[in-house]
N, C-alpha and C. Protein backbone atom coordinates (compact mmCIF):
# COMPACT_ATOMS: atom_id res chain seq x y z
N MET A 1 14.85 8.44 -23.10
CA MET A 1 14.62 7.15 -22.49
C MET A 1 15.18 7.13 -21.09
N THR A 2 14.47 6.48 -20.23
CA THR A 2 14.87 6.38 -18.84
C THR A 2 15.90 5.27 -18.70
N GLN A 3 16.96 5.55 -17.97
CA GLN A 3 17.96 4.53 -17.70
C GLN A 3 18.18 4.44 -16.21
N SER A 4 18.39 3.24 -15.71
CA SER A 4 18.76 3.07 -14.32
C SER A 4 20.17 3.58 -14.16
N SER A 5 20.37 4.51 -13.27
CA SER A 5 21.68 5.14 -13.15
C SER A 5 22.74 4.21 -12.59
N HIS A 6 22.33 3.23 -11.77
CA HIS A 6 23.33 2.39 -11.12
C HIS A 6 23.94 1.35 -12.05
N CYS A 7 23.25 0.93 -13.11
CA CYS A 7 23.85 -0.10 -13.95
C CYS A 7 23.67 0.18 -15.44
N ASN A 8 23.16 1.33 -15.79
CA ASN A 8 23.08 1.78 -17.17
C ASN A 8 22.25 0.86 -18.07
N TYR A 9 21.26 0.19 -17.50
CA TYR A 9 20.36 -0.64 -18.29
C TYR A 9 19.09 0.13 -18.57
N LEU A 10 18.46 -0.18 -19.69
CA LEU A 10 17.18 0.42 -20.01
C LEU A 10 16.09 -0.15 -19.11
N GLU A 11 15.10 0.66 -18.82
CA GLU A 11 13.93 0.16 -18.12
C GLU A 11 13.21 -0.82 -19.05
N LYS A 12 12.47 -1.76 -18.49
CA LYS A 12 11.82 -2.82 -19.27
C LYS A 12 10.93 -2.26 -20.37
N ASP A 13 10.08 -1.29 -20.07
CA ASP A 13 9.17 -0.74 -21.08
C ASP A 13 9.93 -0.03 -22.20
N ASP A 14 11.01 0.66 -21.85
CA ASP A 14 11.82 1.32 -22.89
C ASP A 14 12.46 0.27 -23.80
N PHE A 15 12.96 -0.80 -23.21
CA PHE A 15 13.59 -1.84 -24.00
C PHE A 15 12.57 -2.55 -24.90
N LEU A 16 11.38 -2.81 -24.37
CA LEU A 16 10.32 -3.41 -25.19
C LEU A 16 9.96 -2.51 -26.36
N ASP A 17 9.96 -1.20 -26.17
CA ASP A 17 9.68 -0.25 -27.25
C ASP A 17 10.76 -0.35 -28.34
N ILE A 18 12.00 -0.49 -27.93
CA ILE A 18 13.11 -0.65 -28.89
C ILE A 18 12.94 -1.96 -29.66
N ILE A 19 12.66 -3.04 -28.96
CA ILE A 19 12.47 -4.35 -29.60
C ILE A 19 11.32 -4.29 -30.60
N ASP A 20 10.28 -3.54 -30.27
CA ASP A 20 9.12 -3.42 -31.14
C ASP A 20 9.44 -2.65 -32.42
N LYS A 21 10.43 -1.76 -32.37
CA LYS A 21 10.68 -0.86 -33.49
C LYS A 21 11.98 -1.10 -34.26
N THR A 22 12.91 -1.84 -33.69
CA THR A 22 14.22 -1.99 -34.33
C THR A 22 14.76 -3.40 -34.16
N PRO A 23 15.67 -3.80 -35.04
CA PRO A 23 16.37 -5.07 -34.79
C PRO A 23 17.44 -4.88 -33.72
N LEU A 24 17.77 -5.96 -33.05
CA LEU A 24 18.87 -5.99 -32.09
C LEU A 24 20.07 -6.64 -32.76
N VAL A 25 21.26 -6.25 -32.36
CA VAL A 25 22.48 -6.85 -32.91
C VAL A 25 23.08 -7.73 -31.82
N SER A 26 23.41 -8.96 -32.21
CA SER A 26 23.94 -9.89 -31.22
C SER A 26 25.04 -10.77 -31.81
N ILE A 27 25.67 -11.52 -30.93
CA ILE A 27 26.70 -12.49 -31.30
C ILE A 27 26.24 -13.86 -30.82
N ASP A 28 26.35 -14.87 -31.67
CA ASP A 28 26.17 -16.25 -31.25
C ASP A 28 27.52 -16.94 -31.32
N LEU A 29 27.77 -17.79 -30.34
CA LEU A 29 29.03 -18.52 -30.24
C LEU A 29 28.79 -19.97 -30.62
N ILE A 30 29.34 -20.36 -31.74
CA ILE A 30 29.24 -21.73 -32.20
C ILE A 30 30.52 -22.42 -31.72
N ILE A 31 30.43 -23.01 -30.55
CA ILE A 31 31.61 -23.57 -29.89
C ILE A 31 31.68 -25.05 -30.20
N LYS A 32 32.85 -25.46 -30.71
CA LYS A 32 33.07 -26.87 -31.04
C LYS A 32 34.25 -27.40 -30.25
N ASP A 33 34.17 -28.69 -29.91
CA ASP A 33 35.28 -29.33 -29.22
C ASP A 33 36.16 -30.06 -30.22
N SER A 34 37.16 -30.76 -29.73
CA SER A 34 38.11 -31.46 -30.61
C SER A 34 37.46 -32.60 -31.39
N ASN A 35 36.28 -33.05 -30.96
CA ASN A 35 35.55 -34.10 -31.68
C ASN A 35 34.50 -33.52 -32.63
N ASN A 36 34.57 -32.22 -32.87
CA ASN A 36 33.65 -31.49 -33.75
C ASN A 36 32.21 -31.53 -33.25
N ARG A 37 32.04 -31.65 -31.93
CA ARG A 37 30.71 -31.54 -31.34
C ARG A 37 30.44 -30.09 -30.99
N ALA A 38 29.17 -29.69 -31.00
CA ALA A 38 28.79 -28.31 -30.70
C ALA A 38 28.15 -28.21 -29.32
N LEU A 39 28.46 -27.13 -28.63
CA LEU A 39 27.91 -26.89 -27.31
C LEU A 39 26.58 -26.15 -27.42
N LEU A 40 25.51 -26.73 -26.86
CA LEU A 40 24.19 -26.11 -26.86
C LEU A 40 23.65 -26.06 -25.44
N GLY A 41 22.82 -25.05 -25.19
CA GLY A 41 22.14 -24.92 -23.90
C GLY A 41 20.64 -24.98 -24.09
N TYR A 42 19.95 -25.56 -23.11
CA TYR A 42 18.49 -25.63 -23.15
C TYR A 42 17.94 -24.34 -22.54
N ARG A 43 17.26 -23.53 -23.37
CA ARG A 43 16.87 -22.17 -22.99
C ARG A 43 15.70 -22.12 -22.02
N ASN A 44 15.90 -21.32 -20.96
CA ASN A 44 14.85 -21.03 -19.99
C ASN A 44 14.08 -19.77 -20.34
N ASN A 45 14.68 -18.89 -21.16
CA ASN A 45 14.13 -17.56 -21.43
C ASN A 45 13.58 -17.44 -22.84
N ASN A 46 12.61 -16.53 -22.99
CA ASN A 46 12.15 -16.13 -24.33
C ASN A 46 13.15 -15.15 -24.92
N PRO A 47 13.26 -15.05 -26.21
CA PRO A 47 12.69 -15.97 -27.18
C PRO A 47 13.49 -17.27 -27.24
N ALA A 48 12.96 -18.26 -27.92
CA ALA A 48 13.56 -19.59 -28.09
C ALA A 48 13.52 -20.42 -26.81
N ARG A 49 12.65 -20.05 -25.89
CA ARG A 49 12.48 -20.83 -24.66
C ARG A 49 12.03 -22.25 -25.02
N GLY A 50 12.64 -23.23 -24.32
CA GLY A 50 12.26 -24.62 -24.54
C GLY A 50 12.96 -25.28 -25.70
N PHE A 51 13.97 -24.63 -26.25
CA PHE A 51 14.77 -25.21 -27.33
C PHE A 51 16.24 -25.25 -26.93
N TRP A 52 16.97 -26.14 -27.57
CA TRP A 52 18.43 -26.15 -27.47
C TRP A 52 18.96 -25.09 -28.43
N PHE A 53 19.93 -24.30 -27.96
CA PHE A 53 20.41 -23.15 -28.72
C PHE A 53 21.89 -22.93 -28.39
N VAL A 54 22.62 -22.34 -29.33
CA VAL A 54 24.01 -21.97 -29.06
C VAL A 54 24.03 -20.80 -28.07
N PRO A 55 25.13 -20.65 -27.31
CA PRO A 55 25.24 -19.49 -26.44
C PRO A 55 25.34 -18.20 -27.26
N GLY A 56 24.90 -17.11 -26.69
CA GLY A 56 24.99 -15.83 -27.39
C GLY A 56 24.34 -14.72 -26.61
N GLY A 57 24.43 -13.52 -27.16
CA GLY A 57 23.83 -12.38 -26.49
C GLY A 57 23.95 -11.11 -27.29
N ARG A 58 23.22 -10.09 -26.83
CA ARG A 58 23.23 -8.79 -27.49
C ARG A 58 24.55 -8.08 -27.31
N ILE A 59 24.87 -7.27 -28.30
CA ILE A 59 26.00 -6.36 -28.21
C ILE A 59 25.46 -5.07 -27.60
N ARG A 60 26.14 -4.57 -26.59
CA ARG A 60 25.70 -3.36 -25.91
C ARG A 60 26.25 -2.11 -26.60
N LYS A 61 25.57 -1.00 -26.39
CA LYS A 61 26.02 0.29 -26.93
C LYS A 61 27.44 0.57 -26.47
N ASN A 62 28.28 1.01 -27.39
CA ASN A 62 29.69 1.36 -27.14
C ASN A 62 30.55 0.16 -26.74
N GLU A 63 30.09 -1.04 -27.04
CA GLU A 63 30.86 -2.26 -26.76
C GLU A 63 31.38 -2.79 -28.09
N THR A 64 32.67 -3.06 -28.17
CA THR A 64 33.23 -3.62 -29.40
C THR A 64 32.82 -5.08 -29.53
N LEU A 65 32.98 -5.63 -30.73
CA LEU A 65 32.71 -7.05 -30.93
C LEU A 65 33.57 -7.91 -30.00
N ALA A 66 34.84 -7.54 -29.88
CA ALA A 66 35.76 -8.31 -29.02
C ALA A 66 35.31 -8.26 -27.56
N GLN A 67 34.90 -7.08 -27.10
CA GLN A 67 34.43 -6.95 -25.72
C GLN A 67 33.14 -7.74 -25.50
N ALA A 68 32.22 -7.66 -26.47
CA ALA A 68 30.95 -8.38 -26.35
C ALA A 68 31.19 -9.88 -26.30
N MET A 69 32.04 -10.39 -27.17
CA MET A 69 32.31 -11.83 -27.19
C MET A 69 32.90 -12.29 -25.86
N LYS A 70 33.84 -11.52 -25.36
CA LYS A 70 34.49 -11.87 -24.09
C LYS A 70 33.46 -11.88 -22.95
N ARG A 71 32.60 -10.87 -22.90
CA ARG A 71 31.57 -10.77 -21.85
C ARG A 71 30.57 -11.92 -21.95
N ILE A 72 30.08 -12.18 -23.15
CA ILE A 72 29.09 -13.23 -23.35
C ILE A 72 29.65 -14.60 -22.96
N ALA A 73 30.86 -14.90 -23.39
CA ALA A 73 31.48 -16.19 -23.04
C ALA A 73 31.70 -16.31 -21.54
N SER A 74 32.12 -15.24 -20.92
CA SER A 74 32.34 -15.26 -19.48
C SER A 74 31.02 -15.42 -18.72
N ASN A 75 30.02 -14.63 -19.09
CA ASN A 75 28.74 -14.67 -18.38
C ASN A 75 27.97 -15.97 -18.60
N GLU A 76 27.93 -16.45 -19.84
CA GLU A 76 27.09 -17.62 -20.15
C GLU A 76 27.80 -18.94 -19.91
N LEU A 77 29.14 -18.94 -20.03
CA LEU A 77 29.86 -20.22 -19.99
C LEU A 77 30.98 -20.28 -18.95
N GLY A 78 31.37 -19.12 -18.42
CA GLY A 78 32.45 -19.09 -17.44
C GLY A 78 33.81 -19.36 -18.06
N ILE A 79 33.96 -19.06 -19.36
CA ILE A 79 35.25 -19.27 -20.03
C ILE A 79 35.72 -17.99 -20.69
N GLU A 80 37.02 -17.94 -20.94
CA GLU A 80 37.65 -16.80 -21.61
C GLU A 80 37.79 -17.13 -23.09
N ILE A 81 37.25 -16.26 -23.93
CA ILE A 81 37.36 -16.43 -25.38
C ILE A 81 37.84 -15.11 -25.98
N SER A 82 38.71 -15.22 -26.96
CA SER A 82 39.19 -14.04 -27.68
C SER A 82 38.64 -14.07 -29.10
N ILE A 83 38.26 -12.91 -29.59
CA ILE A 83 37.77 -12.81 -30.96
C ILE A 83 38.86 -13.21 -31.96
N LYS A 84 40.11 -13.12 -31.55
CA LYS A 84 41.23 -13.52 -32.42
C LYS A 84 41.19 -15.01 -32.73
N ASP A 85 40.57 -15.78 -31.82
CA ASP A 85 40.49 -17.23 -31.99
C ASP A 85 39.17 -17.67 -32.63
N ALA A 86 38.36 -16.70 -33.06
CA ALA A 86 37.04 -17.01 -33.61
C ALA A 86 37.02 -16.76 -35.11
N ARG A 87 36.16 -17.51 -35.78
CA ARG A 87 35.98 -17.35 -37.23
C ARG A 87 34.54 -16.92 -37.50
N LEU A 88 34.39 -15.77 -38.17
CA LEU A 88 33.06 -15.28 -38.50
C LEU A 88 32.44 -16.17 -39.56
N LEU A 89 31.28 -16.76 -39.23
CA LEU A 89 30.55 -17.59 -40.19
C LEU A 89 29.65 -16.75 -41.08
N GLY A 90 29.18 -15.62 -40.54
CA GLY A 90 28.32 -14.74 -41.31
C GLY A 90 27.31 -14.03 -40.45
N ALA A 91 26.42 -13.28 -41.10
CA ALA A 91 25.34 -12.57 -40.43
C ALA A 91 24.04 -13.31 -40.72
N TYR A 92 23.20 -13.42 -39.71
CA TYR A 92 21.95 -14.19 -39.79
C TYR A 92 20.80 -13.37 -39.22
N ASP A 93 19.61 -13.54 -39.79
CA ASP A 93 18.40 -12.96 -39.23
C ASP A 93 17.73 -14.00 -38.36
N HIS A 94 17.43 -13.62 -37.12
CA HIS A 94 16.65 -14.46 -36.22
C HIS A 94 15.38 -13.70 -35.89
N MET A 95 14.25 -14.23 -36.34
CA MET A 95 12.96 -13.59 -36.13
C MET A 95 12.12 -14.45 -35.20
N TYR A 96 11.52 -13.81 -34.20
CA TYR A 96 10.70 -14.52 -33.22
C TYR A 96 9.35 -13.83 -33.10
N ASP A 97 8.32 -14.62 -32.85
CA ASP A 97 6.97 -14.09 -32.67
C ASP A 97 6.74 -13.54 -31.27
N ASP A 98 7.74 -13.67 -30.39
CA ASP A 98 7.60 -13.21 -29.02
C ASP A 98 8.79 -12.35 -28.62
N ASN A 99 8.90 -12.07 -27.33
CA ASN A 99 9.98 -11.23 -26.80
C ASN A 99 10.34 -11.72 -25.41
N PHE A 100 11.39 -11.16 -24.83
CA PHE A 100 11.89 -11.61 -23.53
C PHE A 100 10.85 -11.54 -22.42
N ASP A 101 9.89 -10.61 -22.55
CA ASP A 101 8.89 -10.38 -21.51
C ASP A 101 7.55 -11.03 -21.82
N ALA A 102 7.46 -11.72 -22.97
CA ALA A 102 6.22 -12.36 -23.43
C ALA A 102 5.06 -11.37 -23.56
N LYS A 103 5.38 -10.11 -23.83
CA LYS A 103 4.34 -9.10 -24.03
C LYS A 103 3.70 -9.30 -25.39
N GLN A 104 2.37 -9.41 -25.40
CA GLN A 104 1.62 -9.68 -26.63
C GLN A 104 1.87 -8.59 -27.67
N GLY A 105 1.97 -9.02 -28.94
CA GLY A 105 2.07 -8.10 -30.06
C GLY A 105 3.45 -7.56 -30.36
N ILE A 106 4.45 -7.95 -29.58
CA ILE A 106 5.82 -7.47 -29.83
C ILE A 106 6.68 -8.65 -30.26
N THR A 107 7.17 -8.57 -31.49
CA THR A 107 8.07 -9.60 -32.02
C THR A 107 9.52 -9.16 -31.80
N THR A 108 10.44 -10.09 -31.97
CA THR A 108 11.86 -9.80 -31.79
C THR A 108 12.60 -10.15 -33.07
N HIS A 109 13.47 -9.24 -33.50
CA HIS A 109 14.32 -9.45 -34.68
C HIS A 109 15.76 -9.19 -34.26
N TYR A 110 16.57 -10.24 -34.36
CA TYR A 110 18.01 -10.12 -34.12
C TYR A 110 18.74 -10.19 -35.44
N VAL A 111 19.74 -9.35 -35.61
CA VAL A 111 20.75 -9.53 -36.65
C VAL A 111 21.94 -10.10 -35.89
N VAL A 112 22.25 -11.37 -36.19
CA VAL A 112 23.21 -12.12 -35.40
C VAL A 112 24.50 -12.35 -36.19
N LEU A 113 25.62 -12.08 -35.55
CA LEU A 113 26.93 -12.42 -36.11
C LEU A 113 27.33 -13.76 -35.49
N GLY A 114 27.41 -14.77 -36.33
CA GLY A 114 27.75 -16.11 -35.85
C GLY A 114 29.25 -16.33 -35.92
N TYR A 115 29.86 -16.64 -34.78
CA TYR A 115 31.31 -16.88 -34.70
C TYR A 115 31.57 -18.31 -34.24
N GLU A 116 32.42 -19.01 -34.97
CA GLU A 116 32.81 -20.37 -34.60
C GLU A 116 34.10 -20.30 -33.79
N ILE A 117 34.11 -21.03 -32.69
CA ILE A 117 35.27 -21.11 -31.81
C ILE A 117 35.55 -22.57 -31.54
N LYS A 118 36.78 -22.97 -31.74
CA LYS A 118 37.20 -24.33 -31.41
C LYS A 118 37.95 -24.25 -30.08
N LEU A 119 37.48 -25.05 -29.13
CA LEU A 119 38.16 -25.08 -27.84
C LEU A 119 39.40 -25.95 -27.98
N PRO A 120 40.56 -25.44 -27.57
CA PRO A 120 41.81 -26.17 -27.76
C PRO A 120 41.93 -27.43 -26.90
N CYS A 121 41.24 -27.46 -25.79
CA CYS A 121 41.32 -28.62 -24.89
C CYS A 121 40.04 -28.70 -24.08
N LYS A 122 39.93 -29.74 -23.26
CA LYS A 122 38.76 -29.87 -22.38
C LYS A 122 38.73 -28.68 -21.43
N GLN A 123 37.73 -27.86 -21.54
CA GLN A 123 37.57 -26.74 -20.63
C GLN A 123 36.31 -26.95 -19.82
N GLU A 124 36.37 -26.55 -18.56
CA GLU A 124 35.17 -26.63 -17.72
C GLU A 124 34.22 -25.51 -18.13
N ILE A 125 32.99 -25.88 -18.39
CA ILE A 125 31.95 -24.93 -18.78
C ILE A 125 30.98 -24.80 -17.61
N LYS A 126 30.68 -23.56 -17.23
CA LYS A 126 29.73 -23.32 -16.15
C LYS A 126 28.42 -22.83 -16.74
N MET A 127 27.34 -23.45 -16.36
CA MET A 127 26.03 -23.09 -16.86
C MET A 127 25.53 -21.82 -16.17
N ASP A 128 24.85 -20.96 -16.93
CA ASP A 128 24.25 -19.75 -16.36
C ASP A 128 22.76 -19.98 -16.12
N THR A 129 22.07 -18.95 -15.64
CA THR A 129 20.64 -19.09 -15.31
C THR A 129 19.74 -19.08 -16.54
N GLN A 130 20.26 -18.71 -17.71
CA GLN A 130 19.46 -18.73 -18.93
C GLN A 130 19.21 -20.14 -19.44
N HIS A 131 19.99 -21.08 -18.94
CA HIS A 131 19.92 -22.46 -19.43
C HIS A 131 19.73 -23.42 -18.27
N SER A 132 18.85 -24.42 -18.47
CA SER A 132 18.66 -25.42 -17.43
C SER A 132 19.62 -26.59 -17.60
N GLU A 133 20.24 -26.67 -18.78
CA GLU A 133 21.16 -27.77 -19.07
C GLU A 133 22.06 -27.34 -20.23
N ILE A 134 23.29 -27.82 -20.23
CA ILE A 134 24.18 -27.64 -21.39
C ILE A 134 24.69 -29.01 -21.79
N ARG A 135 24.95 -29.17 -23.09
CA ARG A 135 25.34 -30.48 -23.59
C ARG A 135 26.13 -30.32 -24.89
N TRP A 136 27.07 -31.24 -25.10
CA TRP A 136 27.78 -31.33 -26.37
C TRP A 136 26.97 -32.21 -27.31
N TRP A 137 26.75 -31.74 -28.54
CA TRP A 137 25.95 -32.45 -29.54
C TRP A 137 26.80 -32.75 -30.77
N SER A 138 26.63 -33.94 -31.33
CA SER A 138 27.21 -34.18 -32.65
C SER A 138 26.40 -33.34 -33.64
N ILE A 139 27.05 -32.95 -34.73
CA ILE A 139 26.36 -32.14 -35.74
C ILE A 139 25.19 -32.94 -36.32
N GLU A 140 25.40 -34.21 -36.55
CA GLU A 140 24.35 -35.07 -37.10
C GLU A 140 23.12 -35.11 -36.17
N ASP A 141 23.37 -35.28 -34.87
CA ASP A 141 22.26 -35.36 -33.92
C ASP A 141 21.50 -34.04 -33.79
N LEU A 142 22.23 -32.93 -33.76
CA LEU A 142 21.52 -31.65 -33.60
C LEU A 142 20.71 -31.30 -34.83
N LEU A 143 21.20 -31.67 -36.01
CA LEU A 143 20.44 -31.41 -37.23
C LEU A 143 19.16 -32.24 -37.31
N LYS A 144 19.17 -33.43 -36.71
CA LYS A 144 18.00 -34.32 -36.72
C LYS A 144 16.98 -33.96 -35.65
N SER A 145 17.41 -33.33 -34.58
CA SER A 145 16.56 -33.14 -33.41
C SER A 145 15.56 -32.00 -33.59
N GLU A 146 14.30 -32.27 -33.27
CA GLU A 146 13.28 -31.23 -33.27
C GLU A 146 13.40 -30.31 -32.05
N ALA A 147 14.20 -30.72 -31.06
CA ALA A 147 14.40 -29.91 -29.86
C ALA A 147 15.44 -28.82 -30.06
N VAL A 148 16.22 -28.91 -31.15
CA VAL A 148 17.21 -27.88 -31.47
C VAL A 148 16.54 -26.84 -32.36
N HIS A 149 16.66 -25.58 -31.99
CA HIS A 149 16.00 -24.50 -32.72
C HIS A 149 16.55 -24.38 -34.14
N LEU A 150 15.66 -24.04 -35.08
CA LEU A 150 16.05 -23.87 -36.49
C LEU A 150 17.14 -22.83 -36.66
N ASN A 151 17.11 -21.76 -35.86
CA ASN A 151 18.16 -20.73 -35.97
C ASN A 151 19.53 -21.29 -35.60
N THR A 152 19.58 -22.24 -34.69
CA THR A 152 20.85 -22.88 -34.35
C THR A 152 21.27 -23.82 -35.47
N LYS A 153 20.33 -24.59 -36.02
CA LYS A 153 20.65 -25.53 -37.10
C LYS A 153 21.25 -24.80 -38.31
N ALA A 154 20.87 -23.55 -38.53
CA ALA A 154 21.35 -22.79 -39.70
C ALA A 154 22.88 -22.63 -39.68
N TYR A 155 23.50 -22.71 -38.52
CA TYR A 155 24.96 -22.57 -38.43
C TYR A 155 25.69 -23.81 -38.92
N PHE A 156 24.96 -24.94 -39.04
CA PHE A 156 25.60 -26.22 -39.35
C PHE A 156 25.19 -26.76 -40.69
């Protein structure tokens, strides 16, 4: 497989081939505040584009769970999170009829490790480019909303 030497990422076509043939392993962050509200972002990217979803991301080759969690929280939310402060909720299958590139005929399958994190105090959250908006949701409201993705609702 061809890799870009400067940043060790797979070329798009190579990555699409992997998505077509194997599941991806990822972490989702179920972040709750002191009022038991959950943090969700409105997704700009496929899969799950146009839905409210918990923050999360793929685990990279040779990256530990702790390293992946720290990177994902920093990149998507601008906050520092330690795996020591997280509680594993379980492993979940997330199946999508599309992929990040919207290439026809390629579905996406994630095996997701869902981790719950309670923020100890009001922390400033910075939105990334994957989301057009972030918002705190009551569990009751997110479970009722058709705008919240079913894969996110499964955590609650």
